[in-house]
């Protein structure tokens, strides 16, 4: 609600939802909740949220590894990056695991975190990107039901 009130009057309702959908942690889930509160049609909201959520994914998948490699050259960040790399040993179910990780709306999951996880696992872009897209589709279905079904009935 803070983001909605901060941007209201400055940009359109649709742009508010689009921006929320691009922000880490909030992502598509927050965008669909905001769209419901802002009375944006579900079909329109889904397109806005999905596009907003997808835009950062290729950049994360393609650029995070070089950034991590650069950070590992610094004394300050090397331990943090190495700890993150060592902790993520979930390679057996990487494609479907990534789909579920992105798609199930739990704290700390989503397209941003899923893309970071894919990069840490060393997943190839052509395998990781479709997994994240499927996860976004799953999150869209779940959050549409929650935002426009369950919560929508309570809010409106």
N, C-alpha and C. Protein backbone atom coordinates (compact mmCIF):
# COMPACT_ATOMS: atom_id res chain seq x y z
N UNK A 1 0.83 -1.20 0.00
CA UNK A 1 0.00 0.00 0.00
C UNK A 1 0.86 1.25 0.00
N UNK A 2 2.09 1.17 0.58
CA UNK A 2 2.97 2.33 0.57
C UNK A 2 3.35 2.72 -0.85
N UNK A 3 3.66 1.73 -1.68
CA UNK A 3 4.05 2.00 -3.06
C UNK A 3 2.88 2.61 -3.82
N UNK A 4 1.69 2.08 -3.60
CA UNK A 4 0.50 2.61 -4.27
C UNK A 4 0.29 4.07 -3.89
N UNK A 5 0.35 4.38 -2.61
CA UNK A 5 0.12 5.76 -2.18
C UNK A 5 1.24 6.69 -2.63
N UNK A 6 2.48 6.20 -2.66
CA UNK A 6 3.60 7.03 -3.09
C UNK A 6 3.51 7.39 -4.58
N UNK A 7 3.01 6.46 -5.39
CA UNK A 7 2.96 6.69 -6.84
C UNK A 7 1.63 7.23 -7.33
N UNK A 8 0.57 7.10 -6.53
CA UNK A 8 -0.75 7.57 -6.95
C UNK A 8 -0.70 9.06 -7.25
N UNK A 9 -1.34 9.42 -8.35
CA UNK A 9 -1.36 10.82 -8.76
C UNK A 9 -0.17 11.20 -9.62
N UNK A 10 0.87 10.37 -9.63
CA UNK A 10 2.07 10.65 -10.43
C UNK A 10 2.11 9.80 -11.69
N UNK A 11 1.64 8.58 -11.60
CA UNK A 11 1.60 7.67 -12.74
C UNK A 11 0.26 6.93 -12.74
N UNK A 12 -0.05 6.29 -13.84
CA UNK A 12 -1.32 5.59 -13.95
C UNK A 12 -1.36 4.37 -13.03
N UNK A 13 -2.57 3.88 -12.79
CA UNK A 13 -2.73 2.67 -11.97
C UNK A 13 -1.96 1.50 -12.59
N UNK A 14 -2.02 1.41 -13.92
CA UNK A 14 -1.33 0.33 -14.61
C UNK A 14 0.18 0.42 -14.43
N UNK A 15 0.72 1.63 -14.47
CA UNK A 15 2.17 1.82 -14.29
C UNK A 15 2.58 1.47 -12.86
N UNK A 16 1.72 1.75 -11.90
CA UNK A 16 2.00 1.37 -10.51
C UNK A 16 2.14 -0.15 -10.42
N UNK A 17 1.21 -0.86 -11.02
CA UNK A 17 1.23 -2.33 -11.00
C UNK A 17 2.46 -2.85 -11.73
N UNK A 18 2.80 -2.25 -12.86
CA UNK A 18 3.97 -2.64 -13.64
C UNK A 18 5.25 -2.47 -12.82
N UNK A 19 5.39 -1.34 -12.16
CA UNK A 19 6.58 -1.07 -11.34
C UNK A 19 6.67 -2.07 -10.18
N UNK A 20 5.57 -2.28 -9.51
CA UNK A 20 5.56 -3.24 -8.39
C UNK A 20 5.98 -4.62 -8.87
N UNK A 21 5.54 -5.01 -10.06
CA UNK A 21 5.85 -6.33 -10.60
C UNK A 21 7.33 -6.50 -10.94
N UNK A 22 8.04 -5.41 -11.11
CA UNK A 22 9.47 -5.46 -11.43
C UNK A 22 10.35 -5.45 -10.18
N UNK A 23 9.80 -5.06 -9.05
CA UNK A 23 10.58 -4.88 -7.82
C UNK A 23 10.84 -6.22 -7.14
N UNK A 24 12.11 -6.47 -6.75
CA UNK A 24 12.39 -7.72 -6.03
C UNK A 24 11.52 -7.82 -4.78
N UNK A 25 11.20 -9.00 -4.40
CA UNK A 25 10.36 -9.37 -3.27
C UNK A 25 8.87 -9.15 -3.58
N UNK A 26 8.49 -7.99 -4.08
CA UNK A 26 7.07 -7.74 -4.40
C UNK A 26 6.67 -8.50 -5.65
N UNK A 27 7.35 -8.27 -6.73
CA UNK A 27 7.20 -8.96 -8.01
C UNK A 27 5.74 -9.12 -8.44
N UNK A 28 5.48 -10.16 -9.19
CA UNK A 28 4.14 -10.42 -9.74
C UNK A 28 3.11 -10.53 -8.63
N UNK A 29 3.50 -11.15 -7.53
CA UNK A 29 2.56 -11.35 -6.42
C UNK A 29 2.05 -10.02 -5.89
N UNK A 30 2.96 -9.11 -5.64
CA UNK A 30 2.56 -7.79 -5.16
C UNK A 30 1.81 -7.01 -6.22
N UNK A 31 2.22 -7.18 -7.48
CA UNK A 31 1.54 -6.49 -8.58
C UNK A 31 0.09 -6.90 -8.71
N UNK A 32 -0.17 -8.20 -8.62
CA UNK A 32 -1.56 -8.66 -8.72
C UNK A 32 -2.39 -8.23 -7.52
N UNK A 33 -1.80 -8.24 -6.34
CA UNK A 33 -2.54 -7.73 -5.17
C UNK A 33 -2.88 -6.25 -5.35
N UNK A 34 -1.88 -5.48 -5.82
CA UNK A 34 -2.12 -4.05 -6.05
C UNK A 34 -3.17 -3.84 -7.13
N UNK A 35 -3.10 -4.62 -8.20
CA UNK A 35 -4.08 -4.49 -9.29
C UNK A 35 -5.49 -4.76 -8.79
N UNK A 36 -5.62 -5.73 -7.91
CA UNK A 36 -6.94 -6.03 -7.33
C UNK A 36 -7.45 -4.85 -6.52
N UNK A 37 -6.56 -4.30 -5.69
CA UNK A 37 -6.94 -3.15 -4.86
C UNK A 37 -7.28 -1.93 -5.73
N UNK A 38 -6.55 -1.78 -6.85
CA UNK A 38 -6.77 -0.64 -7.75
C UNK A 38 -7.89 -0.88 -8.76
N UNK A 39 -8.60 -2.00 -8.62
CA UNK A 39 -9.73 -2.35 -9.50
C UNK A 39 -9.35 -2.41 -10.98
N UNK A 40 -8.20 -3.00 -11.27
CA UNK A 40 -7.80 -3.22 -12.66
C UNK A 40 -8.31 -4.59 -13.07
N UNK A 41 -8.89 -4.66 -14.25
CA UNK A 41 -9.41 -5.91 -14.79
C UNK A 41 -8.34 -7.00 -14.72
N UNK A 42 -8.74 -8.21 -14.34
CA UNK A 42 -7.79 -9.30 -14.12
C UNK A 42 -6.97 -9.64 -15.37
N UNK A 43 -7.60 -9.63 -16.52
CA UNK A 43 -6.87 -9.95 -17.75
C UNK A 43 -5.80 -8.91 -18.03
N UNK A 44 -6.16 -7.67 -17.91
CA UNK A 44 -5.20 -6.57 -18.11
C UNK A 44 -4.09 -6.64 -17.06
N UNK A 45 -4.48 -6.89 -15.82
CA UNK A 45 -3.51 -6.96 -14.72
C UNK A 45 -2.52 -8.09 -14.93
N UNK A 46 -3.00 -9.24 -15.38
CA UNK A 46 -2.10 -10.37 -15.62
C UNK A 46 -1.03 -10.03 -16.64
N UNK A 47 -1.44 -9.43 -17.76
CA UNK A 47 -0.45 -9.06 -18.78
C UNK A 47 0.56 -8.07 -18.24
N UNK A 48 0.09 -7.06 -17.54
CA UNK A 48 0.99 -6.04 -16.98
C UNK A 48 1.97 -6.69 -16.00
N UNK A 49 1.47 -7.52 -15.11
CA UNK A 49 2.31 -8.15 -14.09
C UNK A 49 3.31 -9.13 -14.68
N UNK A 50 2.86 -9.94 -15.62
CA UNK A 50 3.75 -10.92 -16.22
C UNK A 50 4.88 -10.22 -16.97
N UNK A 51 4.56 -9.23 -17.77
CA UNK A 51 5.60 -8.51 -18.52
C UNK A 51 6.54 -7.80 -17.56
N UNK A 52 5.99 -7.14 -16.55
CA UNK A 52 6.84 -6.47 -15.56
C UNK A 52 7.75 -7.43 -14.82
N UNK A 53 7.26 -8.62 -14.52
CA UNK A 53 8.04 -9.60 -13.79
C UNK A 53 9.11 -10.26 -14.66
N UNK A 54 8.83 -10.40 -15.95
CA UNK A 54 9.78 -11.05 -16.86
C UNK A 54 10.96 -10.14 -17.21
N UNK A 55 10.74 -8.85 -17.31
CA UNK A 55 11.79 -7.93 -17.80
C UNK A 55 13.13 -8.09 -17.08
N UNK A 56 13.20 -8.17 -15.76
CA UNK A 56 14.52 -8.30 -15.12
C UNK A 56 15.20 -9.66 -15.28
N UNK A 57 14.42 -10.71 -15.59
CA UNK A 57 14.94 -12.08 -15.58
C UNK A 57 16.14 -12.29 -16.51
N UNK A 58 16.07 -11.92 -17.80
CA UNK A 58 17.24 -12.16 -18.65
C UNK A 58 18.50 -11.43 -18.17
N UNK A 59 18.31 -10.23 -17.64
CA UNK A 59 19.46 -9.47 -17.14
C UNK A 59 20.11 -10.18 -15.95
N UNK A 60 19.27 -10.69 -15.06
CA UNK A 60 19.81 -11.41 -13.90
C UNK A 60 20.52 -12.68 -14.36
N UNK A 61 19.87 -13.46 -15.22
CA UNK A 61 20.45 -14.72 -15.67
C UNK A 61 21.77 -14.51 -16.42
N UNK A 62 21.85 -13.45 -17.20
CA UNK A 62 23.05 -13.24 -18.03
C UNK A 62 24.15 -12.45 -17.31
N UNK A 63 23.78 -11.60 -16.37
CA UNK A 63 24.79 -10.70 -15.78
C UNK A 63 25.22 -11.03 -14.36
N UNK A 64 24.47 -11.85 -13.64
CA UNK A 64 24.80 -12.07 -12.23
C UNK A 64 26.09 -12.85 -12.05
N UNK A 65 26.36 -13.82 -12.94
CA UNK A 65 27.59 -14.61 -12.80
C UNK A 65 28.83 -13.73 -12.94
N UNK A 66 28.92 -12.86 -13.97
CA UNK A 66 30.08 -11.96 -14.02
C UNK A 66 30.17 -11.03 -12.81
N UNK A 67 29.01 -10.61 -12.30
CA UNK A 67 29.02 -9.74 -11.12
C UNK A 67 29.53 -10.52 -9.91
N UNK A 68 29.04 -11.77 -9.74
CA UNK A 68 29.54 -12.60 -8.64
C UNK A 68 31.04 -12.86 -8.78
N UNK A 69 31.50 -13.14 -10.00
CA UNK A 69 32.94 -13.37 -10.21
C UNK A 69 33.75 -12.14 -9.83
N UNK A 70 33.23 -10.97 -10.16
CA UNK A 70 33.91 -9.72 -9.80
C UNK A 70 33.90 -9.53 -8.28
N UNK A 71 32.75 -9.81 -7.64
CA UNK A 71 32.65 -9.67 -6.19
C UNK A 71 33.58 -10.64 -5.46
N UNK A 72 33.79 -11.83 -6.04
CA UNK A 72 34.69 -12.81 -5.41
C UNK A 72 36.14 -12.33 -5.41
N UNK A 73 36.46 -11.35 -6.21
CA UNK A 73 37.82 -10.80 -6.24
C UNK A 73 38.05 -9.80 -5.11
N UNK A 74 36.97 -9.42 -4.43
CA UNK A 74 37.10 -8.46 -3.33
C UNK A 74 37.14 -9.19 -2.00
N UNK A 75 37.89 -8.66 -1.09
CA UNK A 75 38.03 -9.27 0.24
C UNK A 75 36.70 -9.22 1.00
N UNK A 76 35.97 -8.15 0.82
CA UNK A 76 34.73 -7.94 1.56
C UNK A 76 33.62 -8.91 1.14
N UNK A 77 33.42 -9.10 -0.16
CA UNK A 77 32.27 -9.86 -0.65
C UNK A 77 32.57 -11.32 -0.95
N UNK A 78 33.84 -11.71 -1.06
CA UNK A 78 34.18 -13.08 -1.41
C UNK A 78 33.51 -14.11 -0.49
N UNK A 79 33.58 -13.95 0.84
CA UNK A 79 32.95 -14.96 1.71
C UNK A 79 31.44 -15.08 1.50
N UNK A 80 30.77 -13.97 1.28
CA UNK A 80 29.32 -13.99 1.09
C UNK A 80 28.97 -14.74 -0.20
N UNK A 81 29.65 -14.44 -1.29
CA UNK A 81 29.35 -15.09 -2.57
C UNK A 81 29.68 -16.57 -2.51
N UNK A 82 30.83 -16.92 -1.92
CA UNK A 82 31.21 -18.33 -1.82
C UNK A 82 30.24 -19.11 -0.95
N UNK A 83 29.72 -18.49 0.09
CA UNK A 83 28.74 -19.14 0.96
C UNK A 83 27.44 -19.39 0.19
N UNK A 84 27.01 -18.41 -0.59
CA UNK A 84 25.79 -18.57 -1.39
C UNK A 84 25.98 -19.68 -2.42
N UNK A 85 27.13 -19.73 -3.06
CA UNK A 85 27.39 -20.76 -4.07
C UNK A 85 27.44 -22.15 -3.44
N UNK A 86 28.03 -22.28 -2.29
CA UNK A 86 28.16 -23.58 -1.64
C UNK A 86 26.83 -24.08 -1.10
N UNK A 87 25.96 -23.19 -0.70
CA UNK A 87 24.70 -23.55 -0.07
C UNK A 87 23.68 -24.07 -1.08
N UNK A 88 23.80 -23.71 -2.31
CA UNK A 88 22.79 -24.05 -3.31
C UNK A 88 23.17 -25.32 -4.07
N UNK A 89 22.93 -26.47 -3.49
CA UNK A 89 23.26 -27.76 -4.10
C UNK A 89 22.00 -28.55 -4.42
N UNK A 90 21.12 -28.00 -5.26
CA UNK A 90 19.83 -28.61 -5.55
C UNK A 90 19.76 -28.99 -7.03
N UNK A 91 20.80 -29.59 -7.54
CA UNK A 91 20.90 -29.80 -8.98
C UNK A 91 20.05 -30.94 -9.52
N UNK A 92 19.64 -31.90 -8.70
CA UNK A 92 18.92 -33.07 -9.20
C UNK A 92 17.61 -32.69 -9.90
N UNK A 93 16.86 -31.79 -9.32
CA UNK A 93 15.56 -31.40 -9.88
C UNK A 93 15.60 -29.96 -10.37
N UNK A 94 16.71 -29.53 -10.93
CA UNK A 94 16.90 -28.11 -11.18
C UNK A 94 15.79 -27.45 -12.01
N UNK A 95 15.36 -28.04 -13.15
CA UNK A 95 14.34 -27.38 -13.97
C UNK A 95 13.02 -27.29 -13.22
N UNK A 96 12.46 -28.44 -12.79
CA UNK A 96 11.16 -28.43 -12.13
C UNK A 96 11.25 -27.82 -10.73
N UNK A 97 12.40 -27.99 -10.10
CA UNK A 97 12.60 -27.34 -8.80
C UNK A 97 12.56 -25.82 -8.94
N UNK A 98 13.17 -25.32 -10.01
CA UNK A 98 13.16 -23.88 -10.26
C UNK A 98 11.75 -23.40 -10.60
N UNK A 99 11.02 -24.17 -11.40
CA UNK A 99 9.63 -23.81 -11.72
C UNK A 99 8.83 -23.65 -10.43
N UNK A 100 8.91 -24.63 -9.55
CA UNK A 100 8.16 -24.58 -8.29
C UNK A 100 8.66 -23.47 -7.38
N UNK A 101 9.99 -23.27 -7.34
CA UNK A 101 10.56 -22.23 -6.50
C UNK A 101 10.04 -20.85 -6.92
N UNK A 102 9.96 -20.61 -8.21
CA UNK A 102 9.46 -19.32 -8.70
C UNK A 102 7.94 -19.23 -8.55
N UNK A 103 7.25 -20.34 -8.78
CA UNK A 103 5.80 -20.31 -8.87
C UNK A 103 5.04 -20.37 -7.57
N UNK A 104 5.58 -21.04 -6.56
CA UNK A 104 4.86 -21.15 -5.29
C UNK A 104 5.09 -19.87 -4.48
N UNK A 105 4.04 -19.14 -4.16
CA UNK A 105 4.20 -17.85 -3.50
C UNK A 105 4.55 -17.96 -2.01
N UNK A 106 5.82 -18.13 -1.75
CA UNK A 106 6.33 -18.15 -0.38
C UNK A 106 7.31 -16.99 -0.21
N UNK A 107 7.52 -16.53 1.01
CA UNK A 107 8.49 -15.45 1.22
C UNK A 107 9.87 -15.85 0.72
N UNK A 108 10.50 -14.95 -0.02
CA UNK A 108 11.85 -15.19 -0.51
C UNK A 108 11.92 -15.96 -1.81
N UNK A 109 10.77 -16.26 -2.41
CA UNK A 109 10.78 -16.94 -3.69
C UNK A 109 10.27 -15.98 -4.76
N UNK A 110 10.41 -16.35 -6.02
CA UNK A 110 9.94 -15.52 -7.12
C UNK A 110 10.95 -15.50 -8.24
N UNK A 111 10.67 -14.69 -9.25
CA UNK A 111 11.50 -14.66 -10.45
C UNK A 111 12.91 -14.13 -10.17
N UNK A 112 13.02 -13.10 -9.34
CA UNK A 112 14.33 -12.55 -9.02
C UNK A 112 15.20 -13.59 -8.31
N UNK A 113 14.68 -14.14 -7.24
CA UNK A 113 15.43 -15.12 -6.46
C UNK A 113 15.67 -16.39 -7.26
N UNK A 114 14.67 -16.81 -8.03
CA UNK A 114 14.81 -17.99 -8.87
C UNK A 114 15.89 -17.81 -9.92
N UNK A 115 15.97 -16.61 -10.50
CA UNK A 115 17.01 -16.33 -11.49
C UNK A 115 18.39 -16.33 -10.84
N UNK A 116 18.48 -15.77 -9.65
CA UNK A 116 19.76 -15.81 -8.92
C UNK A 116 20.15 -17.25 -8.61
N UNK A 117 19.19 -18.05 -8.18
CA UNK A 117 19.44 -19.45 -7.88
C UNK A 117 19.92 -20.19 -9.13
N UNK A 118 19.26 -19.96 -10.26
CA UNK A 118 19.65 -20.61 -11.51
C UNK A 118 21.08 -20.25 -11.89
N UNK A 119 21.44 -18.99 -11.72
CA UNK A 119 22.81 -18.56 -12.02
C UNK A 119 23.80 -19.23 -11.08
N UNK A 120 23.45 -19.31 -9.80
CA UNK A 120 24.34 -19.96 -8.83
C UNK A 120 24.50 -21.44 -9.13
N UNK A 121 23.45 -22.08 -9.65
CA UNK A 121 23.53 -23.49 -10.00
C UNK A 121 24.24 -23.71 -11.32
N UNK A 122 24.52 -22.61 -12.02
CA UNK A 122 25.19 -22.73 -13.31
C UNK A 122 24.27 -23.23 -14.41
N UNK A 123 22.95 -23.04 -14.25
CA UNK A 123 22.01 -23.46 -15.29
C UNK A 123 22.21 -22.61 -16.53
N UNK A 124 22.14 -23.24 -17.67
CA UNK A 124 22.23 -22.52 -18.95
C UNK A 124 20.98 -21.65 -19.12
N UNK A 125 21.16 -20.51 -19.77
CA UNK A 125 20.07 -19.57 -19.99
C UNK A 125 18.89 -20.24 -20.66
N UNK A 126 19.15 -21.06 -21.69
CA UNK A 126 18.04 -21.68 -22.44
C UNK A 126 17.28 -22.72 -21.63
N UNK A 127 17.81 -23.13 -20.49
CA UNK A 127 17.08 -24.02 -19.59
C UNK A 127 16.45 -23.21 -18.45
N UNK A 128 17.16 -22.24 -17.94
CA UNK A 128 16.69 -21.46 -16.80
C UNK A 128 15.54 -20.52 -17.18
N UNK A 129 15.65 -19.85 -18.31
CA UNK A 129 14.64 -18.86 -18.69
C UNK A 129 13.26 -19.50 -18.84
N UNK A 130 13.12 -20.65 -19.56
CA UNK A 130 11.79 -21.28 -19.62
C UNK A 130 11.28 -21.74 -18.25
N UNK A 131 12.18 -22.20 -17.38
CA UNK A 131 11.75 -22.62 -16.04
C UNK A 131 11.20 -21.43 -15.27
N UNK A 132 11.87 -20.29 -15.36
CA UNK A 132 11.39 -19.09 -14.67
C UNK A 132 10.05 -18.64 -15.28
N UNK A 133 9.93 -18.71 -16.60
CA UNK A 133 8.66 -18.33 -17.25
C UNK A 133 7.51 -19.23 -16.80
N UNK A 134 7.77 -20.53 -16.73
CA UNK A 134 6.73 -21.45 -16.22
C UNK A 134 6.38 -21.14 -14.77
N UNK A 135 7.39 -20.81 -13.98
CA UNK A 135 7.16 -20.43 -12.59
C UNK A 135 6.31 -19.17 -12.49
N UNK A 136 6.59 -18.21 -13.36
CA UNK A 136 5.79 -16.97 -13.38
C UNK A 136 4.35 -17.30 -13.76
N UNK A 137 4.17 -18.21 -14.72
CA UNK A 137 2.81 -18.61 -15.11
C UNK A 137 2.08 -19.27 -13.94
N UNK A 138 2.78 -20.15 -13.23
CA UNK A 138 2.18 -20.81 -12.05
C UNK A 138 1.83 -19.77 -10.98
N UNK A 139 2.75 -18.85 -10.72
CA UNK A 139 2.48 -17.79 -9.73
C UNK A 139 1.31 -16.93 -10.17
N UNK A 140 1.17 -16.71 -11.48
CA UNK A 140 0.05 -15.91 -12.00
C UNK A 140 -1.28 -16.58 -11.68
N UNK A 141 -1.35 -17.88 -11.88
CA UNK A 141 -2.59 -18.61 -11.61
C UNK A 141 -2.90 -18.56 -10.11
N UNK A 142 -1.91 -18.90 -9.30
CA UNK A 142 -2.13 -18.93 -7.84
C UNK A 142 -2.51 -17.55 -7.31
N UNK A 143 -1.77 -16.54 -7.73
CA UNK A 143 -2.02 -15.20 -7.19
C UNK A 143 -3.30 -14.58 -7.77
N UNK A 144 -3.71 -14.98 -8.97
CA UNK A 144 -4.99 -14.50 -9.50
C UNK A 144 -6.14 -15.02 -8.64
N UNK A 145 -6.04 -16.28 -8.26
CA UNK A 145 -7.07 -16.87 -7.40
C UNK A 145 -7.10 -16.16 -6.05
N UNK A 146 -5.91 -15.93 -5.50
CA UNK A 146 -5.83 -15.27 -4.19
C UNK A 146 -6.27 -13.81 -4.29
N UNK A 147 -5.73 -13.07 -5.25
CA UNK A 147 -5.99 -11.63 -5.34
C UNK A 147 -7.40 -11.28 -5.80
N UNK A 148 -7.86 -11.98 -6.83
CA UNK A 148 -9.15 -11.63 -7.40
C UNK A 148 -10.27 -12.54 -6.91
N UNK A 149 -9.91 -13.68 -6.38
CA UNK A 149 -10.93 -14.60 -5.87
C UNK A 149 -11.14 -14.40 -4.40
N UNK A 150 -10.25 -14.96 -3.61
CA UNK A 150 -10.39 -14.93 -2.15
C UNK A 150 -10.30 -13.52 -1.58
N UNK A 151 -9.19 -12.83 -1.82
CA UNK A 151 -9.04 -11.48 -1.27
C UNK A 151 -9.97 -10.50 -1.96
N UNK A 152 -10.17 -10.71 -3.28
CA UNK A 152 -11.06 -9.82 -4.02
C UNK A 152 -12.46 -9.79 -3.42
N UNK A 153 -12.93 -10.93 -3.00
CA UNK A 153 -14.26 -11.01 -2.38
C UNK A 153 -14.28 -10.26 -1.05
N UNK A 154 -13.17 -10.29 -0.32
CA UNK A 154 -13.12 -9.60 0.98
C UNK A 154 -12.95 -8.09 0.81
N UNK A 155 -12.17 -7.67 -0.19
CA UNK A 155 -11.85 -6.25 -0.36
C UNK A 155 -13.01 -5.48 -0.99
N UNK A 156 -13.69 -6.09 -1.95
CA UNK A 156 -14.71 -5.35 -2.70
C UNK A 156 -16.06 -5.59 -2.15
